[in-house]
């Protein structure tokens, strides 16, 4: 059974930092793009960052320069380092993997076929 399990969410003050982790089991996704999405209350799920198998990255404009996505192939884990957090970063963060794309990038939610359960991030002002 393929699973993505996120961890590292929590409550932090504005300006603080958090590091999210997403561990894959049942499939390493070593050749596939993986991404982090954020869903704020009452809003649609939006891409925060994505990384391909070679380590190339893409960030949404709202997090560029503050967040860093990385992956450890040996551990089948993707990370999201979040610095200079703002209240508008609050939401449930989901890890996702696109098993149907190899060596490329995936930018939209419907193209990801595996999802984690989500981890809550709350940034207080």
Foldseek 3Di string as FASTA:
>chain_A
DKAWAKDWADEEAAQAKIKMKIFIPPDLLLFWKKFKWFDAPPGDIATAKMAGNVGDMDGDPVQPPFWDWGDDSVRSMIMIIGGRDDQVRWGWMKMFIQSVDGRDIDGDDVNTDHIHPTDTHGYHD
